[in-house]
Amino acid sequence: QVQLVESGGGLVQAGGSLRLSCSASGSTFDINVIGWYRRTPGKQRAFVASITGGGSTNYADAVKGRFTISRDNGKNSVYLQMSSLKPEDSAVYYCNVRTHNNLWYWGQGTQVTVSS
């Protein structure tokens, strides 16, 4: 089992920045990929960004060039630096972990609201 706790959401004006953090505990040795998804009302949860233990990153097209994901393996943490935020980035952001045997775990989510 892996437990995830997100922090760092909030309200920001368009063009501003926010940094999300996610701390993992439990069977962290089994973590393969860690990343972020987001969900807006009435929509499915959508991929945002991910990073492997080796540091390989992947981003959704909608956030490329604006968001940066990073990982601190020593702290079992992942961060999402979000810049040039747009109102359409408003969503609940979820931290996600995939283990080496493809089990998926989710955090409770943190709200990001970008005002125009």
PDB file of N, CA and C in Angstrom:
ATOM      1  N   GLN A   1       0.841  -1.193   0.000  1.00  0.00           N
ATOM      2  CA  GLN A   1       0.000   0.000   0.000  1.00  0.00           C
ATOM      3  C   GLN A   1       0.877   1.245   0.000  1.00  0.00           C
ATOM      4  N   VAL A   2       0.433   2.227  -0.749  1.00  0.00           N
ATOM      5  CA  VAL A   2       1.104   3.533  -0.784  1.00  0.00           C
ATOM      6  C   VAL A   2       0.073   4.590  -0.427  1.00  0.00           C
ATOM      7  N   GLN A   3       0.427   5.463   0.480  1.00  0.00           N
ATOM      8  CA  GLN A   3      -0.441   6.578   0.845  1.00  0.00           C
ATOM      9  C   GLN A   3       0.152   7.861   0.277  1.00  0.00           C
ATOM     10  N   LEU A   4      -0.731   8.717  -0.232  1.00  0.00           N
ATOM     11  CA  LEU A   4      -0.305   9.954  -0.872  1.00  0.00           C
ATOM     12  C   LEU A   4      -1.038  11.130  -0.263  1.00  0.00           C
ATOM     13  N   VAL A   5      -0.293  12.201   0.003  1.00  0.00           N
ATOM     14  CA  VAL A   5      -0.890  13.421   0.550  1.00  0.00           C
ATOM     15  C   VAL A   5      -0.421  14.598  -0.297  1.00  0.00           C
ATOM     16  N   GLU A   6      -1.393  15.303  -0.884  1.00  0.00           N
ATOM     17  CA  GLU A   6      -1.078  16.471  -1.709  1.00  0.00           C
ATOM     18  C   GLU A   6      -1.210  17.746  -0.894  1.00  0.00           C
ATOM     19  N   SER A   7      -0.522  18.762  -1.350  1.00  0.00           N
ATOM     20  CA  SER A   7      -0.663  20.096  -0.760  1.00  0.00           C
ATOM     21  C   SER A   7      -0.270  21.124  -1.811  1.00  0.00           C
ATOM     22  N   GLY A   8      -0.638  22.371  -1.551  1.00  0.00           N
ATOM     23  CA  GLY A   8      -0.182  23.453  -2.419  1.00  0.00           C
ATOM     24  C   GLY A   8      -1.224  24.045  -3.332  1.00  0.00           C
ATOM     25  N   GLY A   9      -2.421  23.498  -3.334  1.00  0.00           N
ATOM     26  CA  GLY A   9      -3.456  24.084  -4.176  1.00  0.00           C
ATOM     27  C   GLY A   9      -3.914  25.417  -3.634  1.00  0.00           C
ATOM     28  N   GLY A  10      -4.754  26.086  -4.408  1.00  0.00           N
ATOM     29  CA  GLY A  10      -5.274  27.371  -3.954  1.00  0.00           C
ATOM     30  C   GLY A  10      -5.835  28.177  -5.096  1.00  0.00           C
ATOM     31  N   LEU A  11      -6.024  29.451  -4.833  1.00  0.00           N
ATOM     32  CA  LEU A  11      -6.582  30.392  -5.802  1.00  0.00           C
ATOM     33  C   LEU A  11      -5.468  31.295  -6.310  1.00  0.00           C
ATOM     34  N   VAL A  12      -5.400  31.439  -7.620  1.00  0.00           N
ATOM     35  CA  VAL A  12      -4.371  32.274  -8.227  1.00  0.00           C
ATOM     36  C   VAL A  12      -4.964  32.967  -9.446  1.00  0.00           C
ATOM     37  N   GLN A  13      -4.443  34.119  -9.782  1.00  0.00           N
ATOM     38  CA  GLN A  13      -4.908  34.831 -10.962  1.00  0.00           C
ATOM     39  C   GLN A  13      -4.267  34.237 -12.219  1.00  0.00           C
ATOM     40  N   ALA A  14      -4.934  34.399 -13.316  1.00  0.00           N
ATOM     41  CA  ALA A  14      -4.395  33.941 -14.595  1.00  0.00           C
ATOM     42  C   ALA A  14      -3.016  34.565 -14.819  1.00  0.00           C
ATOM     43  N   GLY A  15      -2.103  33.718 -15.301  1.00  0.00           N
ATOM     44  CA  GLY A  15      -0.722  34.159 -15.491  1.00  0.00           C
ATOM     45  C   GLY A  15       0.168  33.899 -14.302  1.00  0.00           C
ATOM     46  N   GLY A  16      -0.427  33.538 -13.194  1.00  0.00           N
ATOM     47  CA  GLY A  16       0.334  33.290 -11.978  1.00  0.00           C
ATOM     48  C   GLY A  16       0.890  31.883 -11.911  1.00  0.00           C
ATOM     49  N   SER A  17       1.478  31.581 -10.759  1.00  0.00           N
ATOM     50  CA  SER A  17       2.135  30.284 -10.557  1.00  0.00           C
ATOM     51  C   SER A  17       1.688  29.647  -9.250  1.00  0.00           C
ATOM     52  N   LEU A  18       1.734  28.324  -9.228  1.00  0.00           N
ATOM     53  CA  LEU A  18       1.500  27.550  -8.022  1.00  0.00           C
ATOM     54  C   LEU A  18       2.413  26.342  -8.063  1.00  0.00           C
ATOM     55  N   ARG A  19       2.746  25.841  -6.883  1.00  0.00           N
ATOM     56  CA  ARG A  19       3.552  24.628  -6.789  1.00  0.00           C
ATOM     57  C   ARG A  19       2.804  23.607  -5.943  1.00  0.00           C
ATOM     58  N   LEU A  20       2.512  22.469  -6.546  1.00  0.00           N
ATOM     59  CA  LEU A  20       1.875  21.375  -5.829  1.00  0.00           C
ATOM     60  C   LEU A  20       2.935  20.402  -5.335  1.00  0.00           C
ATOM     61  N   SER A  21       2.662  19.840  -4.168  1.00  0.00           N
ATOM     62  CA  SER A  21       3.561  18.837  -3.597  1.00  0.00           C
ATOM     63  C   SER A  21       2.766  17.585  -3.281  1.00  0.00           C
ATOM     64  N   CYS A  22       3.438  16.458  -3.348  1.00  0.00           N
ATOM     65  CA  CYS A  22       2.817  15.185  -3.001  1.00  0.00           C
ATOM     66  C   CYS A  22       3.850  14.356  -2.257  1.00  0.00           C
ATOM     67  N   SER A  23       3.471  13.915  -1.091  1.00  0.00           N
ATOM     68  CA  SER A  23       4.368  13.106  -0.272  1.00  0.00           C
ATOM     69  C   SER A  23       3.823  11.689  -0.187  1.00  0.00           C
ATOM     70  N   ALA A  24       4.676  10.711  -0.447  1.00  0.00           N
ATOM     71  CA  ALA A  24       4.279   9.308  -0.419  1.00  0.00           C
ATOM     72  C   ALA A  24       4.820   8.622   0.828  1.00  0.00           C
ATOM     73  N   SER A  25       4.034   7.695   1.343  1.00  0.00           N
ATOM     74  CA  SER A  25       4.473   6.878   2.478  1.00  0.00           C
ATOM     75  C   SER A  25       3.970   5.453   2.273  1.00  0.00           C
ATOM     76  N   GLY A  26       4.450   4.550   3.091  1.00  0.00           N
ATOM     77  CA  GLY A  26       4.065   3.151   2.952  1.00  0.00           C
ATOM     78  C   GLY A  26       5.090   2.400   2.118  1.00  0.00           C
ATOM     79  N   SER A  27       4.633   1.627   1.174  1.00  0.00           N
ATOM     80  CA  SER A  27       5.509   0.783   0.349  1.00  0.00           C
ATOM     81  C   SER A  27       6.149   1.590  -0.773  1.00  0.00           C
ATOM     82  N   THR A  28       6.881   2.625  -0.401  1.00  0.00           N
ATOM     83  CA  THR A  28       7.454   3.539  -1.399  1.00  0.00           C
ATOM     84  C   THR A  28       8.536   2.875  -2.238  1.00  0.00           C
ATOM     85  N   PHE A  29       9.119   1.795  -1.750  1.00  0.00           N
ATOM     86  CA  PHE A  29      10.149   1.100  -2.516  1.00  0.00           C
ATOM     87  C   PHE A  29       9.583   0.516  -3.806  1.00  0.00           C
ATOM     88  N   ASP A  30       8.269   0.344  -3.823  1.00  0.00           N
ATOM     89  CA  ASP A  30       7.607  -0.287  -4.962  1.00  0.00           C
ATOM     90  C   ASP A  30       7.138   0.720  -6.015  1.00  0.00           C
ATOM     91  N   ILE A  31       7.400   2.018  -5.771  1.00  0.00           N
ATOM     92  CA  ILE A  31       6.925   3.034  -6.706  1.00  0.00           C
ATOM     93  C   ILE A  31       7.752   3.019  -7.987  1.00  0.00           C
ATOM     94  N   ASN A  32       7.050   3.023  -9.112  1.00  0.00           N
ATOM     95  CA  ASN A  32       7.704   3.093 -10.414  1.00  0.00           C
ATOM     96  C   ASN A  32       7.544   4.505 -10.994  1.00  0.00           C
ATOM     97  N   VAL A  33       6.331   4.844 -11.312  1.00  0.00           N
ATOM     98  CA  VAL A  33       6.042   6.156 -11.897  1.00  0.00           C
ATOM     99  C   VAL A  33       5.157   6.936 -10.923  1.00  0.00           C
ATOM    100  N   ILE A  34       5.434   8.209 -10.805  1.00  0.00           N
ATOM    101  CA  ILE A  34       4.612   9.074  -9.966  1.00  0.00           C
ATOM    102  C   ILE A  34       4.241  10.303 -10.779  1.00  0.00           C
ATOM    103  N   GLY A  35       3.029  10.775 -10.588  1.00  0.00           N
ATOM    104  CA  GLY A  35       2.624  11.906 -11.410  1.00  0.00           C
ATOM    105  C   GLY A  35       1.361  12.575 -10.929  1.00  0.00           C
ATOM    106  N   TRP A  36       0.785  13.358 -11.832  1.00  0.00           N
ATOM    107  CA  TRP A  36      -0.386  14.164 -11.514  1.00  0.00           C
ATOM    108  C   TRP A  36      -1.464  13.998 -12.587  1.00  0.00           C
ATOM    109  N   TYR A  37      -2.690  13.960 -12.121  1.00  0.00           N
ATOM    110  CA  TYR A  37      -3.868  13.997 -12.968  1.00  0.00           C
ATOM    111  C   TYR A  37      -4.736  15.136 -12.461  1.00  0.00           C
ATOM    112  N   ARG A  38      -5.721  15.535 -13.266  1.00  0.00           N
ATOM    113  CA  ARG A  38      -6.667  16.562 -12.820  1.00  0.00           C
ATOM    114  C   ARG A  38      -8.056  16.240 -13.335  1.00  0.00           C
ATOM    115  N   ARG A  39      -9.041  16.740 -12.586  1.00  0.00           N
ATOM    116  CA  ARG A  39     -10.429  16.525 -12.973  1.00  0.00           C
ATOM    117  C   ARG A  39     -11.215  17.805 -12.783  1.00  0.00           C
ATOM    118  N   THR A  40     -11.982  18.138 -13.800  1.00  0.00           N
ATOM    119  CA  THR A  40     -12.916  19.252 -13.725  1.00  0.00           C
ATOM    120  C   THR A  40     -14.325  18.673 -13.638  1.00  0.00           C
ATOM    121  N   PRO A  41     -15.276  19.448 -13.112  1.00  0.00           N
ATOM    122  CA  PRO A  41     -16.639  18.926 -12.929  1.00  0.00           C
ATOM    123  C   PRO A  41     -17.213  18.367 -14.228  1.00  0.00           C
ATOM    124  N   GLY A  42     -17.766  17.182 -14.160  1.00  0.00           N
ATOM    125  CA  GLY A  42     -18.412  16.575 -15.306  1.00  0.00           C
ATOM    126  C   GLY A  42     -17.472  15.884 -16.273  1.00  0.00           C
ATOM    127  N   LYS A  43     -16.179  15.877 -15.963  1.00  0.00           N
ATOM    128  CA  LYS A  43     -15.216  15.258 -16.871  1.00  0.00           C
ATOM    129  C   LYS A  43     -14.447  14.156 -16.175  1.00  0.00           C
ATOM    130  N   GLN A  44     -13.839  13.316 -16.971  1.00  0.00           N
ATOM    131  CA  GLN A  44     -12.987  12.264 -16.457  1.00  0.00           C
ATOM    132  C   GLN A  44     -11.678  12.861 -15.950  1.00  0.00           C
ATOM    133  N   ARG A  45     -11.042  12.122 -15.072  1.00  0.00           N
ATOM    134  CA  ARG A  45      -9.717  12.526 -14.616  1.00  0.00           C
ATOM    135  C   ARG A  45      -8.748  12.446 -15.803  1.00  0.00           C
ATOM    136  N   ALA A  46      -7.938  13.478 -15.986  1.00  0.00           N
ATOM    137  CA  ALA A  46      -7.066  13.573 -17.160  1.00  0.00           C
ATOM    138  C   ALA A  46      -5.607  13.633 -16.735  1.00  0.00           C
ATOM    139  N   PHE A  47      -4.766  12.994 -17.498  1.00  0.00           N
ATOM    140  CA  PHE A  47      -3.333  12.991 -17.247  1.00  0.00           C
ATOM    141  C   PHE A  47      -2.753  14.398 -17.379  1.00  0.00           C
ATOM    142  N   VAL A  48      -1.829  14.734 -16.470  1.00  0.00           N
ATOM    143  CA  VAL A  48      -1.155  16.036 -16.529  1.00  0.00           C
ATOM    144  C   VAL A  48       0.340  15.834 -16.782  1.00  0.00           C
ATOM    145  N   ALA A  49       0.981  15.085 -15.900  1.00  0.00           N
ATOM    146  CA  ALA A  49       2.434  14.892 -16.018  1.00  0.00           C
ATOM    147  C   ALA A  49       2.842  13.704 -15.184  1.00  0.00           C
ATOM    148  N   SER A  50       3.978  13.110 -15.549  1.00  0.00           N
ATOM    149  CA  SER A  50       4.509  11.992 -14.770  1.00  0.00           C
ATOM    150  C   SER A  50       6.028  11.979 -14.856  1.00  0.00           C
ATOM    151  N   ILE A  51       6.628  11.264 -13.912  1.00  0.00           N
ATOM    152  CA  ILE A  51       8.080  11.150 -13.874  1.00  0.00           C
ATOM    153  C   ILE A  51       8.448   9.779 -13.334  1.00  0.00           C
ATOM    154  N   THR A  52       9.446   9.167 -13.957  1.00  0.00           N
ATOM    155  CA  THR A  52       9.898   7.852 -13.505  1.00  0.00           C
ATOM    156  C   THR A  52      10.995   8.010 -12.455  1.00  0.00           C
ATOM    157  N   GLY A  53      11.386   6.896 -11.864  1.00  0.00           N
ATOM    158  CA  GLY A  53      12.465   6.935 -10.889  1.00  0.00           C
ATOM    159  C   GLY A  53      13.772   7.410 -11.487  1.00  0.00           C
ATOM    160  N   GLY A  54      13.938   7.177 -12.776  1.00  0.00           N
ATOM    161  CA  GLY A  54      15.142   7.617 -13.462  1.00  0.00           C
ATOM    162  C   GLY A  54      15.094   9.047 -13.941  1.00  0.00           C
ATOM    163  N   GLY A  55      13.951   9.687 -13.750  1.00  0.00           N
ATOM    164  CA  GLY A  55      13.833  11.094 -14.100  1.00  0.00           C
ATOM    165  C   GLY A  55      13.218  11.384 -15.454  1.00  0.00           C
ATOM    166  N   SER A  56      12.752  10.364 -16.148  1.00  0.00           N
ATOM    167  CA  SER A  56      12.094  10.605 -17.432  1.00  0.00           C
ATOM    168  C   SER A  56      10.716  11.206 -17.193  1.00  0.00           C
ATOM    169  N   THR A  57      10.422  12.262 -17.923  1.00  0.00           N
ATOM    170  CA  THR A  57       9.161  12.974 -17.721  1.00  0.00           C
ATOM    171  C   THR A  57       8.252  12.864 -18.937  1.00  0.00           C
ATOM    172  N   ASN A  58       6.975  13.057 -18.670  1.00  0.00           N
ATOM    173  CA  ASN A  58       5.973  13.049 -19.722  1.00  0.00           C
ATOM    174  C   ASN A  58       4.920  14.075 -19.357  1.00  0.00           C
ATOM    175  N   TYR A  59       4.453  14.833 -20.327  1.00  0.00           N
ATOM    176  CA  TYR A  59       3.488  15.906 -20.077  1.00  0.00           C
ATOM    177  C   TYR A  59       2.332  15.821 -21.053  1.00  0.00           C
ATOM    178  N   ALA A  60       1.174  16.212 -20.586  1.00  0.00           N
ATOM    179  CA  ALA A  60       0.048  16.416 -21.481  1.00  0.00           C
ATOM    180  C   ALA A  60       0.340  17.622 -22.364  1.00  0.00           C
ATOM    181  N   ASP A  61      -0.156  17.585 -23.587  1.00  0.00           N
ATOM    182  CA  ASP A  61       0.104  18.690 -24.511  1.00  0.00           C
ATOM    183  C   ASP A  61      -0.379  20.017 -23.939  1.00  0.00           C
ATOM    184  N   ALA A  62      -1.464  19.991 -23.197  1.00  0.00           N
ATOM    185  CA  ALA A  62      -2.064  21.228 -22.692  1.00  0.00           C
ATOM    186  C   ALA A  62      -1.172  21.963 -21.692  1.00  0.00           C
ATOM    187  N   VAL A  63      -0.201  21.256 -21.115  1.00  0.00           N
ATOM    188  CA  VAL A  63       0.616  21.892 -20.074  1.00  0.00           C
ATOM    189  C   VAL A  63       2.090  21.977 -20.446  1.00  0.00           C
ATOM    190  N   LYS A  64       2.466  21.427 -21.573  1.00  0.00           N
ATOM    191  CA  LYS A  64       3.872  21.458 -21.979  1.00  0.00           C
ATOM    192  C   LYS A  64       4.389  22.881 -22.068  1.00  0.00           C
ATOM    193  N   GLY A  65       5.567  23.094 -21.516  1.00  0.00           N
ATOM    194  CA  GLY A  65       6.157  24.421 -21.534  1.00  0.00           C
ATOM    195  C   GLY A  65       5.700  25.316 -20.402  1.00  0.00           C
ATOM    196  N   ARG A  66       4.665  24.902 -19.672  1.00  0.00           N
ATOM    197  CA  ARG A  66       4.161  25.725 -18.565  1.00  0.00           C
ATOM    198  C   ARG A  66       4.323  25.019 -17.215  1.00  0.00           C
ATOM    199  N   PHE A  67       4.203  23.712 -17.221  1.00  0.00           N
ATOM    200  CA  PHE A  67       4.304  22.923 -15.988  1.00  0.00           C
ATOM    201  C   PHE A  67       5.604  22.141 -15.991  1.00  0.00           C
ATOM    202  N   THR A  68       6.166  21.978 -14.806  1.00  0.00           N
ATOM    203  CA  THR A  68       7.372  21.183 -14.646  1.00  0.00           C
ATOM    204  C   THR A  68       7.198  20.229 -13.481  1.00  0.00           C
ATOM    205  N   ILE A  69       7.421  18.946 -13.746  1.00  0.00           N
ATOM    206  CA  ILE A  69       7.325  17.946 -12.692  1.00  0.00           C
ATOM    207  C   ILE A  69       8.735  17.573 -12.241  1.00  0.00           C
ATOM    208  N   SER A  70       8.882  17.384 -10.943  1.00  0.00           N
ATOM    209  CA  SER A  70      10.172  16.968 -10.408  1.00  0.00           C
ATOM    210  C   SER A  70       9.936  15.992  -9.267  1.00  0.00           C
ATOM    211  N   ARG A  71      10.985  15.276  -8.930  1.00  0.00           N
ATOM    212  CA  ARG A  71      10.833  14.184  -7.958  1.00  0.00           C
ATOM    213  C   ARG A  71      12.037  14.170  -7.020  1.00  0.00           C
ATOM    214  N   ASP A  72      11.788  14.002  -5.766  1.00  0.00           N
ATOM    215  CA  ASP A  72      12.841  13.847  -4.764  1.00  0.00           C
ATOM    216  C   ASP A  72      12.709  12.439  -4.186  1.00  0.00           C
ATOM    217  N   ASN A  73      13.480  11.521  -4.701  1.00  0.00           N
ATOM    218  CA  ASN A  73      13.355  10.133  -4.271  1.00  0.00           C
ATOM    219  C   ASN A  73      13.705   9.955  -2.799  1.00  0.00           C
ATOM    220  N   GLY A  74      14.629  10.772  -2.321  1.00  0.00           N
ATOM    221  CA  GLY A  74      15.017  10.672  -0.917  1.00  0.00           C
ATOM    222  C   GLY A  74      13.894  11.046   0.029  1.00  0.00           C
ATOM    223  N   LYS A  75      13.036  11.948  -0.413  1.00  0.00           N
ATOM    224  CA  LYS A  75      11.901  12.398   0.398  1.00  0.00           C
ATOM    225  C   LYS A  75      10.606  11.730  -0.038  1.00  0.00           C
ATOM    226  N   ASN A  76      10.683  10.835  -1.016  1.00  0.00           N
ATOM    227  CA  ASN A  76       9.468  10.189  -1.548  1.00  0.00           C
ATOM    228  C   ASN A  76       8.417  11.233  -1.907  1.00  0.00           C
ATOM    229  N   SER A  77       8.854  12.263  -2.592  1.00  0.00           N
ATOM    230  CA  SER A  77       7.955  13.371  -2.915  1.00  0.00           C
ATOM    231  C   SER A  77       8.037  13.711  -4.396  1.00  0.00           C
ATOM    232  N   VAL A  78       6.962  14.270  -4.876  1.00  0.00           N
ATOM    233  CA  VAL A  78       6.910  14.770  -6.243  1.00  0.00           C
ATOM    234  C   VAL A  78       6.305  16.158  -6.210  1.00  0.00           C
ATOM    235  N   TYR A  79       6.739  16.995  -7.126  1.00  0.00           N
ATOM    236  CA  TYR A  79       6.302  18.387  -7.173  1.00  0.00           C
ATOM    237  C   TYR A  79       5.816  18.711  -8.580  1.00  0.00           C
ATOM    238  N   LEU A  80       4.861  19.627  -8.637  1.00  0.00           N
ATOM    239  CA  LEU A  80       4.392  20.129  -9.922  1.00  0.00           C
ATOM    240  C   LEU A  80       4.443  21.643  -9.868  1.00  0.00           C
ATOM    241  N   GLN A  81       5.395  22.210 -10.566  1.00  0.00           N
ATOM    242  CA  GLN A  81       5.498  23.662 -10.669  1.00  0.00           C
ATOM    243  C   GLN A  81       4.647  24.102 -11.846  1.00  0.00           C
ATOM    244  N   MET A  82       3.642  24.904 -11.560  1.00  0.00           N
ATOM    245  CA  MET A  82       2.707  25.345 -12.590  1.00  0.00           C
ATOM    246  C   MET A  82       2.876  26.835 -12.798  1.00  0.00           C
ATOM    247  N   SER A  83       3.162  27.221 -14.028  1.00  0.00           N
ATOM    248  CA  SER A  83       3.370  28.625 -14.361  1.00  0.00           C
ATOM    249  C   SER A  83       2.442  29.022 -15.501  1.00  0.00           C
ATOM    250  N   SER A  84       2.323  30.316 -15.707  1.00  0.00           N
ATOM    251  CA  SER A  84       1.446  30.840 -16.771  1.00  0.00           C
ATOM    252  C   SER A  84       0.080  30.166 -16.711  1.00  0.00           C
ATOM    253  N   LEU A  85      -0.474  30.118 -15.527  1.00  0.00           N
ATOM    254  CA  LEU A  85      -1.735  29.408 -15.339  1.00  0.00           C
ATOM    255  C   LEU A  85      -2.876  30.085 -16.078  1.00  0.00           C
ATOM    256  N   LYS A  86      -3.787  29.258 -16.562  1.00  0.00           N
ATOM    257  CA  LYS A  86      -4.953  29.710 -17.306  1.00  0.00           C
ATOM    258  C   LYS A  86      -6.203  29.263 -16.552  1.00  0.00           C
ATOM    259  N   PRO A  87      -7.321  29.964 -16.768  1.00  0.00           N
ATOM    260  CA  PRO A  87      -8.563  29.528 -16.114  1.00  0.00           C
ATOM    261  C   PRO A  87      -8.899  28.062 -16.400  1.00  0.00           C
ATOM    262  N   GLU A  88      -8.567  27.585 -17.575  1.00  0.00           N
ATOM    263  CA  GLU A  88      -8.869  26.194 -17.917  1.00  0.00           C
ATOM    264  C   GLU A  88      -7.993  25.186 -17.175  1.00  0.00           C
ATOM    265  N   ASP A  89      -6.996  25.659 -16.443  1.00  0.00           N
ATOM    266  CA  ASP A  89      -6.211  24.780 -15.585  1.00  0.00           C
ATOM    267  C   ASP A  89      -6.917  24.520 -14.250  1.00  0.00           C
ATOM    268  N   SER A  90      -7.991  25.242 -13.986  1.00  0.00           N
ATOM    269  CA  SER A  90      -8.733  25.042 -12.746  1.00  0.00           C
ATOM    270  C   SER A  90      -9.270  23.620 -12.686  1.00  0.00           C
ATOM    271  N   ALA A  91      -8.981  22.944 -11.601  1.00  0.00           N
ATOM    272  CA  ALA A  91      -9.380  21.541 -11.463  1.00  0.00           C
ATOM    273  C   ALA A  91      -8.970  21.053 -10.086  1.00  0.00           C
ATOM    274  N   VAL A  92      -9.421  19.864  -9.765  1.00  0.00           N
ATOM    275  CA  VAL A  92      -8.858  19.151  -8.616  1.00  0.00           C
ATOM    276  C   VAL A  92      -7.690  18.330  -9.148  1.00  0.00           C
ATOM    277  N   TYR A  93      -6.540  18.519  -8.548  1.00  0.00           N
ATOM    278  CA  TYR A  93      -5.326  17.833  -8.983  1.00  0.00           C
ATOM    279  C   TYR A  93      -5.050  16.665  -8.044  1.00  0.00           C
ATOM    280  N   TYR A  94      -4.790  15.513  -8.644  1.00  0.00           N
ATOM    281  CA  TYR A  94      -4.573  14.278  -7.885  1.00  0.00           C
ATOM    282  C   TYR A  94      -3.163  13.762  -8.125  1.00  0.00           C
ATOM    283  N   CYS A  95      -2.511  13.419  -7.059  1.00  0.00           N
ATOM    284  CA  CYS A  95      -1.234  12.728  -7.152  1.00  0.00           C
ATOM    285  C   CYS A  95      -1.502  11.248  -7.432  1.00  0.00           C
ATOM    286  N   ASN A  96      -0.680  10.670  -8.277  1.00  0.00           N
ATOM    287  CA  ASN A  96      -0.871   9.272  -8.681  1.00  0.00           C
ATOM    288  C   ASN A  96       0.453   8.518  -8.627  1.00  0.00           C
ATOM    289  N   VAL A  97       0.378   7.302  -8.151  1.00  0.00           N
ATOM    290  CA  VAL A  97       1.547   6.429  -8.137  1.00  0.00           C
ATOM    291  C   VAL A  97       1.202   5.140  -8.857  1.00  0.00           C
ATOM    292  N   ARG A  98       2.133   4.673  -9.664  1.00  0.00           N
ATOM    293  CA  ARG A  98       2.022   3.342 -10.262  1.00  0.00           C
ATOM    294  C   ARG A  98       3.201   2.511  -9.780  1.00  0.00           C
ATOM    295  N   THR A  99       2.910   1.336  -9.275  1.00  0.00           N
ATOM    296  CA  THR A  99       3.979   0.488  -8.759  1.00  0.00           C
ATOM    297  C   THR A  99       4.563  -0.381  -9.875  1.00  0.00           C
ATOM    298  N   HIS A 100       5.611  -1.077  -9.539  1.00  0.00           N
ATOM    299  CA  HIS A 100       6.268  -1.933 -10.527  1.00  0.00           C
ATOM    300  C   HIS A 100       5.371  -3.070 -10.997  1.00  0.00           C
ATOM    301  N   ASN A 101       4.404  -3.467 -10.184  1.00  0.00           N
ATOM    302  CA  ASN A 101       3.445  -4.489 -10.631  1.00  0.00           C
ATOM    303  C   ASN A 101       2.126  -3.855 -11.025  1.00  0.00           C
ATOM    304  N   ASN A 102       2.185  -2.566 -11.409  1.00  0.00           N
ATOM    305  CA  ASN A 102       1.067  -1.846 -12.023  1.00  0.00           C
ATOM    306  C   ASN A 102      -0.140  -1.664 -11.107  1.00  0.00           C
ATOM    307  N   LEU A 103       0.085  -1.522  -9.829  1.00  0.00           N
ATOM    308  CA  LEU A 103      -0.989  -1.080  -8.938  1.00  0.00           C
ATOM    309  C   LEU A 103      -1.000   0.440  -8.961  1.00  0.00           C
ATOM    310  N   TRP A 104      -2.209   1.014  -8.896  1.00  0.00           N
ATOM    311  CA  TRP A 104      -2.365   2.473  -8.951  1.00  0.00           C
ATOM    312  C   TRP A 104      -2.891   2.967  -7.609  1.00  0.00           C
ATOM    313  N   TYR A 105      -2.331   4.062  -7.150  1.00  0.00           N
ATOM    314  CA  TYR A 105      -2.778   4.704  -5.919  1.00  0.00           C
ATOM    315  C   TYR A 105      -3.013   6.184  -6.190  1.00  0.00           C
ATOM    316  N   TRP A 106      -3.959   6.752  -5.427  1.00  0.00           N
ATOM    317  CA  TRP A 106      -4.342   8.153  -5.622  1.00  0.00           C
ATOM    318  C   TRP A 106      -4.326   8.891  -4.294  1.00  0.00           C
ATOM    319  N   GLY A 107      -3.979  10.175  -4.386  1.00  0.00           N
ATOM    320  CA  GLY A 107      -4.152  11.046  -3.243  1.00  0.00           C
ATOM    321  C   GLY A 107      -5.590  11.528  -3.174  1.00  0.00           C
ATOM    322  N   GLN A 108      -5.865  12.361  -2.194  1.00  0.00           N
ATOM    323  CA  GLN A 108      -7.237  12.831  -1.979  1.00  0.00           C
ATOM    324  C   GLN A 108      -7.590  14.016  -2.876  1.00  0.00           C
ATOM    325  N   GLY A 109      -6.597  14.622  -3.472  1.00  0.00           N
ATOM    326  CA  GLY A 109      -6.837  15.739  -4.381  1.00  0.00           C
ATOM    327  C   GLY A 109      -6.660  17.089  -3.715  1.00  0.00           C
ATOM    328  N   THR A 110      -6.255  18.056  -4.516  1.00  0.00           N
ATOM    329  CA  THR A 110      -6.120  19.426  -4.040  1.00  0.00           C
ATOM    330  C   THR A 110      -6.676  20.357  -5.111  1.00  0.00           C
ATOM    331  N   GLN A 111      -7.467  21.323  -4.679  1.00  0.00           N
ATOM    332  CA  GLN A 111      -8.157  22.210  -5.615  1.00  0.00           C
ATOM    333  C   GLN A 111      -7.239  23.328  -6.083  1.00  0.00           C
ATOM    334  N   VAL A 112      -7.225  23.526  -7.385  1.00  0.00           N
ATOM    335  CA  VAL A 112      -6.537  24.666  -7.995  1.00  0.00           C
ATOM    336  C   VAL A 112      -7.589  25.480  -8.743  1.00  0.00           C
ATOM    337  N   THR A 113      -7.668  26.757  -8.415  1.00  0.00           N
ATOM    338  CA  THR A 113      -8.610  27.645  -9.082  1.00  0.00           C
ATOM    339  C   THR A 113      -7.849  28.826  -9.655  1.00  0.00           C
ATOM    340  N   VAL A 114      -8.015  29.035 -10.960  1.00  0.00           N
ATOM    341  CA  VAL A 114      -7.342  30.134 -11.646  1.00  0.00           C
ATOM    342  C   VAL A 114      -8.406  31.132 -12.089  1.00  0.00           C
ATOM    343  N   SER A 115      -8.333  32.324 -11.567  1.00  0.00           N
ATOM    344  CA  SER A 115      -9.321  33.345 -11.895  1.00  0.00           C
ATOM    345  C   SER A 115      -8.848  34.165 -13.092  1.00  0.00           C
ATOM    346  N   SER A 116      -9.808  34.593 -13.889  1.00  0.00           N
ATOM    347  CA  SER A 116      -9.474  35.367 -15.102  1.00  0.00           C
ATOM    348  C   SER A 116      -9.430  36.848 -14.802  1.00  0.00           C
TER     349      SER A 116
END
